[in-house]
PDB file of N, CA and C in Angstrom:
ATOM      1  N   MET A   1     -28.528  13.355 -14.528  1.00  0.00           N
ATOM      2  CA  MET A   1     -29.005  13.625 -13.184  1.00  0.00           C
ATOM      3  C   MET A   1     -27.929  13.306 -12.156  1.00  0.00           C
ATOM      4  N   TYR A   2     -27.339  12.090 -12.252  1.00  0.00           N
ATOM      5  CA  TYR A   2     -26.316  11.705 -11.288  1.00  0.00           C
ATOM      6  C   TYR A   2     -25.006  12.444 -11.521  1.00  0.00           C
ATOM      7  N   PHE A   3     -24.809  12.943 -12.738  1.00  0.00           N
ATOM      8  CA  PHE A   3     -23.597  13.686 -13.046  1.00  0.00           C
ATOM      9  C   PHE A   3     -23.502  14.946 -12.199  1.00  0.00           C
ATOM     10  N   ILE A   4     -24.615  15.596 -11.957  1.00  0.00           N
ATOM     11  CA  ILE A   4     -24.634  16.812 -11.136  1.00  0.00           C
ATOM     12  C   ILE A   4     -24.210  16.485  -9.706  1.00  0.00           C
ATOM     13  N   TYR A   5     -24.694  15.369  -9.172  1.00  0.00           N
ATOM     14  CA  TYR A   5     -24.300  14.964  -7.823  1.00  0.00           C
ATOM     15  C   TYR A   5     -22.797  14.690  -7.755  1.00  0.00           C
ATOM     16  N   LEU A   6     -22.277  14.044  -8.782  1.00  0.00           N
ATOM     17  CA  LEU A   6     -20.854  13.742  -8.823  1.00  0.00           C
ATOM     18  C   LEU A   6     -20.022  15.022  -8.850  1.00  0.00           C
ATOM     19  N   VAL A   7     -20.425  15.979  -9.655  1.00  0.00           N
ATOM     20  CA  VAL A   7     -19.715  17.254  -9.726  1.00  0.00           C
ATOM     21  C   VAL A   7     -19.771  17.971  -8.382  1.00  0.00           C
ATOM     22  N   VAL A   8     -20.923  17.958  -7.735  1.00  0.00           N
ATOM     23  CA  VAL A   8     -21.067  18.616  -6.431  1.00  0.00           C
ATOM     24  C   VAL A   8     -20.172  17.947  -5.392  1.00  0.00           C
ATOM     25  N   VAL A   9     -20.118  16.627  -5.384  1.00  0.00           N
ATOM     26  CA  VAL A   9     -19.276  15.914  -4.418  1.00  0.00           C
ATOM     27  C   VAL A   9     -17.798  16.216  -4.666  1.00  0.00           C
ATOM     28  N   ILE A  10     -17.375  16.218  -5.920  1.00  0.00           N
ATOM     29  CA  ILE A  10     -15.973  16.496  -6.234  1.00  0.00           C
ATOM     30  C   ILE A  10     -15.611  17.926  -5.860  1.00  0.00           C
ATOM     31  N   LEU A  11     -16.457  18.876  -6.196  1.00  0.00           N
ATOM     32  CA  LEU A  11     -16.183  20.270  -5.833  1.00  0.00           C
ATOM     33  C   LEU A  11     -16.173  20.466  -4.323  1.00  0.00           C
ATOM     34  N   THR A  12     -17.079  19.811  -3.624  1.00  0.00           N
ATOM     35  CA  THR A  12     -17.095  19.905  -2.165  1.00  0.00           C
ATOM     36  C   THR A  12     -15.804  19.343  -1.581  1.00  0.00           C
ATOM     37  N   ALA A  13     -15.334  18.228  -2.113  1.00  0.00           N
ATOM     38  CA  ALA A  13     -14.085  17.637  -1.628  1.00  0.00           C
ATOM     39  C   ALA A  13     -12.902  18.560  -1.879  1.00  0.00           C
ATOM     40  N   ILE A  14     -12.853  19.172  -3.056  1.00  0.00           N
ATOM     41  CA  ILE A  14     -11.753  20.085  -3.379  1.00  0.00           C
ATOM     42  C   ILE A  14     -11.775  21.296  -2.459  1.00  0.00           C
ATOM     43  N   VAL A  15     -12.952  21.869  -2.245  1.00  0.00           N
ATOM     44  CA  VAL A  15     -13.071  23.032  -1.358  1.00  0.00           C
ATOM     45  C   VAL A  15     -12.700  22.656   0.069  1.00  0.00           C
ATOM     46  N   PHE A  16     -13.142  21.489   0.528  1.00  0.00           N
ATOM     47  CA  PHE A  16     -12.837  21.053   1.892  1.00  0.00           C
ATOM     48  C   PHE A  16     -11.334  20.863   2.081  1.00  0.00           C
ATOM     49  N   VAL A  17     -10.670  20.201   1.141  1.00  0.00           N
ATOM     50  CA  VAL A  17      -9.228  19.979   1.248  1.00  0.00           C
ATOM     51  C   VAL A  17      -8.479  21.303   1.200  1.00  0.00           C
ATOM     52  N   ALA A  18      -8.869  22.196   0.298  1.00  0.00           N
ATOM     53  CA  ALA A  18      -8.210  23.500   0.218  1.00  0.00           C
ATOM     54  C   ALA A  18      -8.400  24.289   1.507  1.00  0.00           C
ATOM     55  N   ALA A  19      -9.596  24.236   2.080  1.00  0.00           N
ATOM     56  CA  ALA A  19      -9.855  24.957   3.326  1.00  0.00           C
ATOM     57  C   ALA A  19      -9.014  24.397   4.467  1.00  0.00           C
ATOM     58  N   VAL A  20      -8.904  23.090   4.557  1.00  0.00           N
ATOM     59  CA  VAL A  20      -8.103  22.480   5.628  1.00  0.00           C
ATOM     60  C   VAL A  20      -6.633  22.856   5.480  1.00  0.00           C
ATOM     61  N   VAL A  21      -6.107  22.842   4.260  1.00  0.00           N
ATOM     62  CA  VAL A  21      -4.707  23.204   4.038  1.00  0.00           C
ATOM     63  C   VAL A  21      -4.473  24.670   4.377  1.00  0.00           C
ATOM     64  N   MET A  22      -5.375  25.549   3.970  1.00  0.00           N
ATOM     65  CA  MET A  22      -5.214  26.976   4.273  1.00  0.00           C
ATOM     66  C   MET A  22      -5.309  27.246   5.769  1.00  0.00           C
ATOM     67  N   ILE A  23      -6.234  26.599   6.446  1.00  0.00           N
ATOM     68  CA  ILE A  23      -6.355  26.793   7.897  1.00  0.00           C
ATOM     69  C   ILE A  23      -5.112  26.266   8.608  1.00  0.00           C
ATOM     70  N   ALA A  24      -4.585  25.130   8.173  1.00  0.00           N
ATOM     71  CA  ALA A  24      -3.371  24.582   8.784  1.00  0.00           C
ATOM     72  C   ALA A  24      -2.186  25.514   8.582  1.00  0.00           C
ATOM     73  N   ASN A  25      -2.052  26.099   7.397  1.00  0.00           N
ATOM     74  CA  ASN A  25      -0.971  27.060   7.161  1.00  0.00           C
ATOM     75  C   ASN A  25      -1.169  28.339   7.960  1.00  0.00           C
ATOM     76  N   TRP A  26      -2.387  28.710   8.175  1.00  0.00           N
ATOM     77  CA  TRP A  26      -2.688  29.945   8.893  1.00  0.00           C
ATOM     78  C   TRP A  26      -2.396  29.817  10.385  1.00  0.00           C
ATOM     79  N   ILE A  27      -2.741  28.674  10.999  1.00  0.00           N
ATOM     80  CA  ILE A  27      -2.574  28.537  12.442  1.00  0.00           C
ATOM     81  C   ILE A  27      -1.270  27.855  12.841  1.00  0.00           C
ATOM     82  N   ALA A  28      -0.459  27.414  11.887  1.00  0.00           N
ATOM     83  CA  ALA A  28       0.793  26.725  12.209  1.00  0.00           C
ATOM     84  C   ALA A  28       1.789  27.705  12.817  1.00  0.00           C
ATOM     85  N   PRO A  29       2.520  27.275  13.852  1.00  0.00           N
ATOM     86  CA  PRO A  29       3.541  28.155  14.429  1.00  0.00           C
ATOM     87  C   PRO A  29       4.707  28.315  13.457  1.00  0.00           C
ATOM     88  N   ARG A  30       5.271  29.518  13.448  1.00  0.00           N
ATOM     89  CA  ARG A  30       6.366  29.801  12.529  1.00  0.00           C
ATOM     90  C   ARG A  30       7.569  30.303  13.318  1.00  0.00           C
ATOM     91  N   SER A  31       8.701  29.714  13.059  1.00  0.00           N
ATOM     92  CA  SER A  31       9.967  30.238  13.558  1.00  0.00           C
ATOM     93  C   SER A  31      11.024  29.857  12.531  1.00  0.00           C
ATOM     94  N   TYR A  32      11.645  30.868  11.986  1.00  0.00           N
ATOM     95  CA  TYR A  32      12.622  30.649  10.936  1.00  0.00           C
ATOM     96  C   TYR A  32      14.023  30.903  11.491  1.00  0.00           C
ATOM     97  N   ASN A  33      14.913  29.942  11.326  1.00  0.00           N
ATOM     98  CA  ASN A  33      16.321  30.154  11.614  1.00  0.00           C
ATOM     99  C   ASN A  33      17.138  29.179  10.779  1.00  0.00           C
ATOM    100  N   LEU A  34      18.449  29.389  10.775  1.00  0.00           N
ATOM    101  CA  LEU A  34      19.330  28.615   9.909  1.00  0.00           C
ATOM    102  C   LEU A  34      19.428  27.152  10.337  1.00  0.00           C
ATOM    103  N   GLN A  35      19.364  26.893  11.640  1.00  0.00           N
ATOM    104  CA  GLN A  35      19.522  25.526  12.120  1.00  0.00           C
ATOM    105  C   GLN A  35      18.367  24.621  11.714  1.00  0.00           C
ATOM    106  N   LYS A  36      17.194  25.162  11.527  1.00  0.00           N
ATOM    107  CA  LYS A  36      16.050  24.321  11.165  1.00  0.00           C
ATOM    108  C   LYS A  36      16.181  23.751   9.764  1.00  0.00           C
ATOM    109  N   GLY A  37      16.980  24.385   8.921  1.00  0.00           N
ATOM    110  CA  GLY A  37      17.158  23.891   7.565  1.00  0.00           C
ATOM    111  C   GLY A  37      18.242  22.844   7.429  1.00  0.00           C
ATOM    112  N   GLN A  38      19.007  22.587   8.502  1.00  0.00           N
ATOM    113  CA  GLN A  38      20.097  21.627   8.438  1.00  0.00           C
ATOM    114  C   GLN A  38      19.647  20.268   8.973  1.00  0.00           C
ATOM    115  N   PRO A  39      20.185  19.181   8.410  1.00  0.00           N
ATOM    116  CA  PRO A  39      19.808  17.853   8.913  1.00  0.00           C
ATOM    117  C   PRO A  39      20.414  17.600  10.291  1.00  0.00           C
ATOM    118  N   TYR A  40      19.705  16.867  11.108  1.00  0.00           N
ATOM    119  CA  TYR A  40      20.173  16.533  12.453  1.00  0.00           C
ATOM    120  C   TYR A  40      20.645  15.092  12.468  1.00  0.00           C
ATOM    121  N   GLU A  41      21.867  14.880  12.914  1.00  0.00           N
ATOM    122  CA  GLU A  41      22.424  13.531  12.967  1.00  0.00           C
ATOM    123  C   GLU A  41      23.008  13.271  14.345  1.00  0.00           C
ATOM    124  N   CYS A  42      22.237  13.379  15.367  1.00  0.00           N
ATOM    125  CA  CYS A  42      22.546  13.081  16.762  1.00  0.00           C
ATOM    126  C   CYS A  42      23.671  13.935  17.336  1.00  0.00           C
ATOM    127  N   GLY A  43      24.129  14.939  16.638  1.00  0.00           N
ATOM    128  CA  GLY A  43      25.108  15.863  17.175  1.00  0.00           C
ATOM    129  C   GLY A  43      26.541  15.394  17.122  1.00  0.00           C
ATOM    130  N   ILE A  44      26.796  14.148  16.760  1.00  0.00           N
ATOM    131  CA  ILE A  44      28.158  13.626  16.718  1.00  0.00           C
ATOM    132  C   ILE A  44      28.618  13.605  15.265  1.00  0.00           C
ATOM    133  N   PRO A  45      29.790  14.166  14.978  1.00  0.00           N
ATOM    134  CA  PRO A  45      30.277  14.121  13.593  1.00  0.00           C
ATOM    135  C   PRO A  45      30.534  12.680  13.156  1.00  0.00           C
ATOM    136  N   THR A  46      30.216  12.377  11.921  1.00  0.00           N
ATOM    137  CA  THR A  46      30.402  11.019  11.421  1.00  0.00           C
ATOM    138  C   THR A  46      31.862  10.774  11.064  1.00  0.00           C
ATOM    139  N   ARG A  47      32.288   9.521  11.219  1.00  0.00           N
ATOM    140  CA  ARG A  47      33.633   9.118  10.819  1.00  0.00           C
ATOM    141  C   ARG A  47      33.503   8.204   9.609  1.00  0.00           C
ATOM    142  N   GLY A  48      34.203   8.510   8.583  1.00  0.00           N
ATOM    143  CA  GLY A  48      34.152   7.675   7.390  1.00  0.00           C
ATOM    144  C   GLY A  48      32.864   7.908   6.611  1.00  0.00           C
ATOM    145  N   SER A  49      32.482   6.899   5.863  1.00  0.00           N
ATOM    146  CA  SER A  49      31.275   7.004   5.047  1.00  0.00           C
ATOM    147  C   SER A  49      30.044   6.737   5.903  1.00  0.00           C
ATOM    148  N   SER A  50      29.059   7.578   5.767  1.00  0.00           N
ATOM    149  CA  SER A  50      27.829   7.386   6.539  1.00  0.00           C
ATOM    150  C   SER A  50      26.790   6.578   5.761  1.00  0.00           C
ATOM    151  N   TRP A  51      27.144   6.154   4.559  1.00  0.00           N
ATOM    152  CA  TRP A  51      26.209   5.369   3.750  1.00  0.00           C
ATOM    153  C   TRP A  51      26.361   3.899   4.112  1.00  0.00           C
ATOM    154  N   VAL A  52      25.314   3.320   4.690  1.00  0.00           N
ATOM    155  CA  VAL A  52      25.313   1.912   5.056  1.00  0.00           C
ATOM    156  C   VAL A  52      24.087   1.280   4.427  1.00  0.00           C
ATOM    157  N   GLN A  53      24.286   0.191   3.728  1.00  0.00           N
ATOM    158  CA  GLN A  53      23.162  -0.482   3.095  1.00  0.00           C
ATOM    159  C   GLN A  53      22.667  -1.591   4.016  1.00  0.00           C
ATOM    160  N   PHE A  54      21.395  -1.488   4.407  1.00  0.00           N
ATOM    161  CA  PHE A  54      20.792  -2.474   5.279  1.00  0.00           C
ATOM    162  C   PHE A  54      20.110  -3.546   4.440  1.00  0.00           C
ATOM    163  N   LYS A  55      20.142  -4.769   4.945  1.00  0.00           N
ATOM    164  CA  LYS A  55      19.438  -5.851   4.269  1.00  0.00           C
ATOM    165  C   LYS A  55      17.967  -5.770   4.656  1.00  0.00           C
ATOM    166  N   ALA A  56      17.138  -5.565   3.687  1.00  0.00           N
ATOM    167  CA  ALA A  56      15.701  -5.454   3.945  1.00  0.00           C
ATOM    168  C   ALA A  56      15.066  -6.823   3.773  1.00  0.00           C
ATOM    169  N   GLY A  57      14.699  -7.448   4.873  1.00  0.00           N
ATOM    170  CA  GLY A  57      14.116  -8.777   4.815  1.00  0.00           C
ATOM    171  C   GLY A  57      12.603  -8.774   4.774  1.00  0.00           C
ATOM    172  N   TYR A  58      12.014  -7.609   4.895  1.00  0.00           N
ATOM    173  CA  TYR A  58      10.562  -7.542   4.942  1.00  0.00           C
ATOM    174  C   TYR A  58       9.915  -7.559   3.559  1.00  0.00           C
ATOM    175  N   TYR A  59      10.687  -7.315   2.511  1.00  0.00           N
ATOM    176  CA  TYR A  59      10.084  -7.190   1.193  1.00  0.00           C
ATOM    177  C   TYR A  59       9.391  -8.479   0.763  1.00  0.00           C
ATOM    178  N   LEU A  60       9.951  -9.618   1.139  1.00  0.00           N
ATOM    179  CA  LEU A  60       9.354 -10.887   0.738  1.00  0.00           C
ATOM    180  C   LEU A  60       8.013 -11.106   1.424  1.00  0.00           C
ATOM    181  N   TYR A  61       7.939 -10.742   2.698  1.00  0.00           N
ATOM    182  CA  TYR A  61       6.664 -10.847   3.405  1.00  0.00           C
ATOM    183  C   TYR A  61       5.646  -9.877   2.815  1.00  0.00           C
ATOM    184  N   ALA A  62       6.113  -8.705   2.414  1.00  0.00           N
ATOM    185  CA  ALA A  62       5.207  -7.734   1.801  1.00  0.00           C
ATOM    186  C   ALA A  62       4.673  -8.254   0.473  1.00  0.00           C
ATOM    187  N   ILE A  63       5.520  -8.884  -0.316  1.00  0.00           N
ATOM    188  CA  ILE A  63       5.072  -9.432  -1.599  1.00  0.00           C
ATOM    189  C   ILE A  63       4.061 -10.552  -1.385  1.00  0.00           C
ATOM    190  N   LEU A  64       4.339 -11.432  -0.422  1.00  0.00           N
ATOM    191  CA  LEU A  64       3.389 -12.514  -0.142  1.00  0.00           C
ATOM    192  C   LEU A  64       2.070 -11.968   0.386  1.00  0.00           C
ATOM    193  N   PHE A  65       2.143 -10.945   1.237  1.00  0.00           N
ATOM    194  CA  PHE A  65       0.911 -10.329   1.729  1.00  0.00           C
ATOM    195  C   PHE A  65       0.114  -9.722   0.586  1.00  0.00           C
ATOM    196  N   LEU A  66       0.786  -9.001  -0.307  1.00  0.00           N
ATOM    197  CA  LEU A  66       0.082  -8.407  -1.448  1.00  0.00           C
ATOM    198  C   LEU A  66      -0.521  -9.475  -2.345  1.00  0.00           C
ATOM    199  N   MET A  67       0.183 -10.572  -2.510  1.00  0.00           N
ATOM    200  CA  MET A  67      -0.333 -11.653  -3.348  1.00  0.00           C
ATOM    201  C   MET A  67      -1.659 -12.175  -2.803  1.00  0.00           C
ATOM    202  N   PHE A  68      -1.726 -12.424  -1.502  1.00  0.00           N
ATOM    203  CA  PHE A  68      -2.956 -12.968  -0.938  1.00  0.00           C
ATOM    204  C   PHE A  68      -3.999 -11.884  -0.687  1.00  0.00           C
ATOM    205  N   ASP A  69      -3.570 -10.639  -0.583  1.00  0.00           N
ATOM    206  CA  ASP A  69      -4.524  -9.537  -0.496  1.00  0.00           C
ATOM    207  C   ASP A  69      -5.239  -9.362  -1.831  1.00  0.00           C
ATOM    208  N   ILE A  70      -4.495  -9.436  -2.920  1.00  0.00           N
ATOM    209  CA  ILE A  70      -5.105  -9.356  -4.248  1.00  0.00           C
ATOM    210  C   ILE A  70      -6.012 -10.559  -4.479  1.00  0.00           C
ATOM    211  N   GLU A  71      -5.644 -11.698  -3.917  1.00  0.00           N
ATOM    212  CA  GLU A  71      -6.506 -12.879  -4.025  1.00  0.00           C
ATOM    213  C   GLU A  71      -7.880 -12.595  -3.428  1.00  0.00           C
ATOM    214  N   THR A  72      -7.918 -11.988  -2.261  1.00  0.00           N
ATOM    215  CA  THR A  72      -9.219 -11.694  -1.651  1.00  0.00           C
ATOM    216  C   THR A  72      -9.982 -10.650  -2.448  1.00  0.00           C
ATOM    217  N   VAL A  73      -9.261  -9.702  -3.048  1.00  0.00           N
ATOM    218  CA  VAL A  73      -9.937  -8.694  -3.880  1.00  0.00           C
ATOM    219  C   VAL A  73     -10.622  -9.355  -5.067  1.00  0.00           C
ATOM    220  N   PHE A  74     -10.010 -10.387  -5.630  1.00  0.00           N
ATOM    221  CA  PHE A  74     -10.625 -11.084  -6.752  1.00  0.00           C
ATOM    222  C   PHE A  74     -11.689 -12.087  -6.314  1.00  0.00           C
ATOM    223  N   LEU A  75     -11.525 -12.684  -5.147  1.00  0.00           N
ATOM    224  CA  LEU A  75     -12.457 -13.733  -4.731  1.00  0.00           C
ATOM    225  C   LEU A  75     -13.778 -13.198  -4.184  1.00  0.00           C
ATOM    226  N   PHE A  76     -13.798 -12.027  -3.587  1.00  0.00           N
ATOM    227  CA  PHE A  76     -15.061 -11.502  -3.068  1.00  0.00           C
ATOM    228  C   PHE A  76     -16.082 -11.241  -4.176  1.00  0.00           C
ATOM    229  N   PRO A  77     -15.735 -10.540  -5.258  1.00  0.00           N
ATOM    230  CA  PRO A  77     -16.728 -10.379  -6.333  1.00  0.00           C
ATOM    231  C   PRO A  77     -17.090 -11.707  -6.990  1.00  0.00           C
ATOM    232  N   TRP A  78     -16.118 -12.611  -7.093  1.00  0.00           N
ATOM    233  CA  TRP A  78     -16.406 -13.917  -7.679  1.00  0.00           C
ATOM    234  C   TRP A  78     -17.419 -14.674  -6.829  1.00  0.00           C
ATOM    235  N   ALA A  79     -17.299 -14.608  -5.513  1.00  0.00           N
ATOM    236  CA  ALA A  79     -18.220 -15.326  -4.628  1.00  0.00           C
ATOM    237  C   ALA A  79     -19.640 -14.795  -4.743  1.00  0.00           C
ATOM    238  N   VAL A  80     -19.780 -13.532  -5.109  1.00  0.00           N
ATOM    239  CA  VAL A  80     -21.117 -12.949  -5.245  1.00  0.00           C
ATOM    240  C   VAL A  80     -21.822 -13.476  -6.489  1.00  0.00           C
ATOM    241  N   VAL A  81     -21.094 -13.655  -7.582  1.00  0.00           N
ATOM    242  CA  VAL A  81     -21.729 -14.008  -8.855  1.00  0.00           C
ATOM    243  C   VAL A  81     -21.463 -15.441  -9.297  1.00  0.00           C
ATOM    244  N   VAL A  82     -20.945 -16.296  -8.441  1.00  0.00           N
ATOM    245  CA  VAL A  82     -20.550 -17.634  -8.868  1.00  0.00           C
ATOM    246  C   VAL A  82     -21.739 -18.467  -9.338  1.00  0.00           C
ATOM    247  N   GLU A  83     -22.887 -18.330  -8.718  1.00  0.00           N
ATOM    248  CA  GLU A  83     -24.051 -19.120  -9.137  1.00  0.00           C
ATOM    249  C   GLU A  83     -24.599 -18.659 -10.483  1.00  0.00           C
ATOM    250  N   GLU A  84     -24.495 -17.371 -10.757  1.00  0.00           N
ATOM    251  CA  GLU A  84     -25.029 -16.836 -12.011  1.00  0.00           C
ATOM    252  C   GLU A  84     -24.132 -17.165 -13.197  1.00  0.00           C
ATOM    253  N   VAL A  85     -22.826 -17.189 -12.989  1.00  0.00           N
ATOM    254  CA  VAL A  85     -21.901 -17.356 -14.103  1.00  0.00           C
ATOM    255  C   VAL A  85     -21.747 -18.816 -14.504  1.00  0.00           C
ATOM    256  N   GLY A  86     -21.720 -19.713 -13.543  1.00  0.00           N
ATOM    257  CA  GLY A  86     -21.716 -21.132 -13.878  1.00  0.00           C
ATOM    258  C   GLY A  86     -20.390 -21.824 -13.670  1.00  0.00           C
ATOM    259  N   THR A  87     -20.242 -22.933 -14.391  1.00  0.00           N
ATOM    260  CA  THR A  87     -19.107 -23.826 -14.212  1.00  0.00           C
ATOM    261  C   THR A  87     -17.792 -23.193 -14.653  1.00  0.00           C
ATOM    262  N   TYR A  88     -17.837 -22.399 -15.709  1.00  0.00           N
ATOM    263  CA  TYR A  88     -16.602 -21.773 -16.202  1.00  0.00           C
ATOM    264  C   TYR A  88     -15.983 -20.876 -15.136  1.00  0.00           C
ATOM    265  N   ALA A  89     -16.801 -20.127 -14.419  1.00  0.00           N
ATOM    266  CA  ALA A  89     -16.281 -19.262 -13.355  1.00  0.00           C
ATOM    267  C   ALA A  89     -15.686 -20.090 -12.229  1.00  0.00           C
ATOM    268  N   LEU A  90     -16.303 -21.211 -11.917  1.00  0.00           N
ATOM    269  CA  LEU A  90     -15.773 -22.086 -10.871  1.00  0.00           C
ATOM    270  C   LEU A  90     -14.413 -22.650 -11.276  1.00  0.00           C
ATOM    271  N   LEU A  91     -14.300 -23.093 -12.517  1.00  0.00           N
ATOM    272  CA  LEU A  91     -13.032 -23.652 -12.986  1.00  0.00           C
ATOM    273  C   LEU A  91     -11.940 -22.591 -13.057  1.00  0.00           C
ATOM    274  N   SER A  92     -12.290 -21.395 -13.502  1.00  0.00           N
ATOM    275  CA  SER A  92     -11.277 -20.339 -13.567  1.00  0.00           C
ATOM    276  C   SER A  92     -10.823 -19.918 -12.172  1.00  0.00           C
ATOM    277  N   ALA A  93     -11.733 -19.870 -11.207  1.00  0.00           N
ATOM    278  CA  ALA A  93     -11.348 -19.531  -9.836  1.00  0.00           C
ATOM    279  C   ALA A  93     -10.493 -20.634  -9.226  1.00  0.00           C
ATOM    280  N   LEU A  94     -10.815 -21.882  -9.512  1.00  0.00           N
ATOM    281  CA  LEU A  94      -9.994 -22.982  -9.009  1.00  0.00           C
ATOM    282  C   LEU A  94      -8.589 -22.949  -9.616  1.00  0.00           C
ATOM    283  N   PHE A  95      -8.491 -22.600 -10.894  1.00  0.00           N
ATOM    284  CA  PHE A  95      -7.181 -22.451 -11.525  1.00  0.00           C
ATOM    285  C   PHE A  95      -6.397 -21.318 -10.874  1.00  0.00           C
ATOM    286  N   PHE A  96      -7.072 -20.202 -10.613  1.00  0.00           N
ATOM    287  CA  PHE A  96      -6.450 -19.051  -9.960  1.00  0.00           C
ATOM    288  C   PHE A  96      -5.923 -19.437  -8.579  1.00  0.00           C
ATOM    289  N   LEU A  97      -6.737 -20.137  -7.800  1.00  0.00           N
ATOM    290  CA  LEU A  97      -6.317 -20.564  -6.466  1.00  0.00           C
ATOM    291  C   LEU A  97      -5.184 -21.585  -6.536  1.00  0.00           C
ATOM    292  N   THR A  98      -5.222 -22.456  -7.537  1.00  0.00           N
ATOM    293  CA  THR A  98      -4.158 -23.444  -7.699  1.00  0.00           C
ATOM    294  C   THR A  98      -2.823 -22.767  -7.979  1.00  0.00           C
ATOM    295  N   VAL A  99      -2.833 -21.767  -8.845  1.00  0.00           N
ATOM    296  CA  VAL A  99      -1.597 -21.038  -9.144  1.00  0.00           C
ATOM    297  C   VAL A  99      -1.073 -20.345  -7.888  1.00  0.00           C
ATOM    298  N   LEU A 100      -1.961 -19.738  -7.106  1.00  0.00           N
ATOM    299  CA  LEU A 100      -1.528 -19.076  -5.875  1.00  0.00           C
ATOM    300  C   LEU A 100      -0.978 -20.069  -4.856  1.00  0.00           C
ATOM    301  N   ILE A 101      -1.629 -21.202  -4.714  1.00  0.00           N
ATOM    302  CA  ILE A 101      -1.164 -22.205  -3.752  1.00  0.00           C
ATOM    303  C   ILE A 101       0.174 -22.793  -4.201  1.00  0.00           C
ATOM    304  N   LEU A 102       0.345 -23.003  -5.500  1.00  0.00           N
ATOM    305  CA  LEU A 102       1.637 -23.480  -5.997  1.00  0.00           C
ATOM    306  C   LEU A 102       2.736 -22.445  -5.753  1.00  0.00           C
ATOM    307  N   GLY A 103       2.412 -21.175  -5.918  1.00  0.00           N
ATOM    308  CA  GLY A 103       3.383 -20.120  -5.618  1.00  0.00           C
ATOM    309  C   GLY A 103       3.763 -20.094  -4.151  1.00  0.00           C
ATOM    310  N   LEU A 104       2.786 -20.260  -3.278  1.00  0.00           N
ATOM    311  CA  LEU A 104       3.066 -20.313  -1.842  1.00  0.00           C
ATOM    312  C   LEU A 104       3.902 -21.539  -1.494  1.00  0.00           C
ATOM    313  N   ALA A 105       3.582 -22.689  -2.088  1.00  0.00           N
ATOM    314  CA  ALA A 105       4.358 -23.903  -1.829  1.00  0.00           C
ATOM    315  C   ALA A 105       5.799 -23.746  -2.307  1.00  0.00           C
ATOM    316  N   TYR A 106       5.986 -23.105  -3.449  1.00  0.00           N
ATOM    317  CA  TYR A 106       7.339 -22.867  -3.962  1.00  0.00           C
ATOM    318  C   TYR A 106       8.123 -21.952  -3.026  1.00  0.00           C
ATOM    319  N   ALA A 107       7.477 -20.864  -2.564  1.00  0.00           N
ATOM    320  CA  ALA A 107       8.143 -19.946  -1.636  1.00  0.00           C
ATOM    321  C   ALA A 107       8.477 -20.652  -0.328  1.00  0.00           C
ATOM    322  N   TRP A 108       7.587 -21.500   0.137  1.00  0.00           N
ATOM    323  CA  TRP A 108       7.814 -22.241   1.378  1.00  0.00           C
ATOM    324  C   TRP A 108       8.981 -23.224   1.214  1.00  0.00           C
ATOM    325  N   LYS A 109       9.013 -23.909   0.057  1.00  0.00           N
ATOM    326  CA  LYS A 109      10.073 -24.885  -0.201  1.00  0.00           C
ATOM    327  C   LYS A 109      11.439 -24.215  -0.300  1.00  0.00           C
ATOM    328  N   LYS A 110      11.491 -23.028  -0.888  1.00  0.00           N
ATOM    329  CA  LYS A 110      12.750 -22.299  -1.034  1.00  0.00           C
ATOM    330  C   LYS A 110      13.192 -21.622   0.257  1.00  0.00           C
ATOM    331  N   GLY A 111      12.358 -21.679   1.302  1.00  0.00           N
ATOM    332  CA  GLY A 111      12.724 -21.075   2.578  1.00  0.00           C
ATOM    333  C   GLY A 111      12.438 -19.594   2.664  1.00  0.00           C
ATOM    334  N   ALA A 112      11.561 -19.107   1.814  1.00  0.00           N
ATOM    335  CA  ALA A 112      11.253 -17.680   1.806  1.00  0.00           C
ATOM    336  C   ALA A 112      10.474 -17.246   3.034  1.00  0.00           C
ATOM    337  N   LEU A 113       9.827 -18.174   3.703  1.00  0.00           N
ATOM    338  CA  LEU A 113       9.032 -17.822   4.873  1.00  0.00           C
ATOM    339  C   LEU A 113       9.818 -17.962   6.172  1.00  0.00           C
ATOM    340  N   GLU A 114      11.075 -18.372   6.087  1.00  0.00           N
ATOM    341  CA  GLU A 114      11.917 -18.501   7.277  1.00  0.00           C
ATOM    342  C   GLU A 114      12.534 -17.151   7.611  1.00  0.00           C
ATOM    343  N   TRP A 115      12.502 -16.801   8.878  1.00  0.00           N
ATOM    344  CA  TRP A 115      13.090 -15.538   9.314  1.00  0.00           C
ATOM    345  C   TRP A 115      14.599 -15.724   9.443  1.00  0.00           C
ATOM    346  N   LYS A 116      15.364 -14.838   8.794  1.00  0.00           N
ATOM    347  CA  LYS A 116      16.832 -14.970   8.802  1.00  0.00           C
ATOM    348  C   LYS A 116      17.455 -13.801   9.509  1.00  0.00           C
TER     349      LYS A 116
END
């Protein structure tokens, strides 16, 4: 019974996405010329190598954010069923939180949270 609803929803989504893409292609303005296919680099010719490697300092903050974001993803379902599951679930969640807090303390001690 529910399988039919699922098929209808999936087919409706596919038709809707296809219709939006076709309408966008149909009403989009078109102008073709050679300059549109070339990359734009502010109009000034480059001198020397244009490849410069930038130091990306945001990756560490992104990793820490993902770590604690995944923590909330795991803790919300756990909070719903903690009374039903019992002591083992409480101990496993405390172990999980301990590992995360130790990881944060290690990152803090190493200076990973300092802006450089």
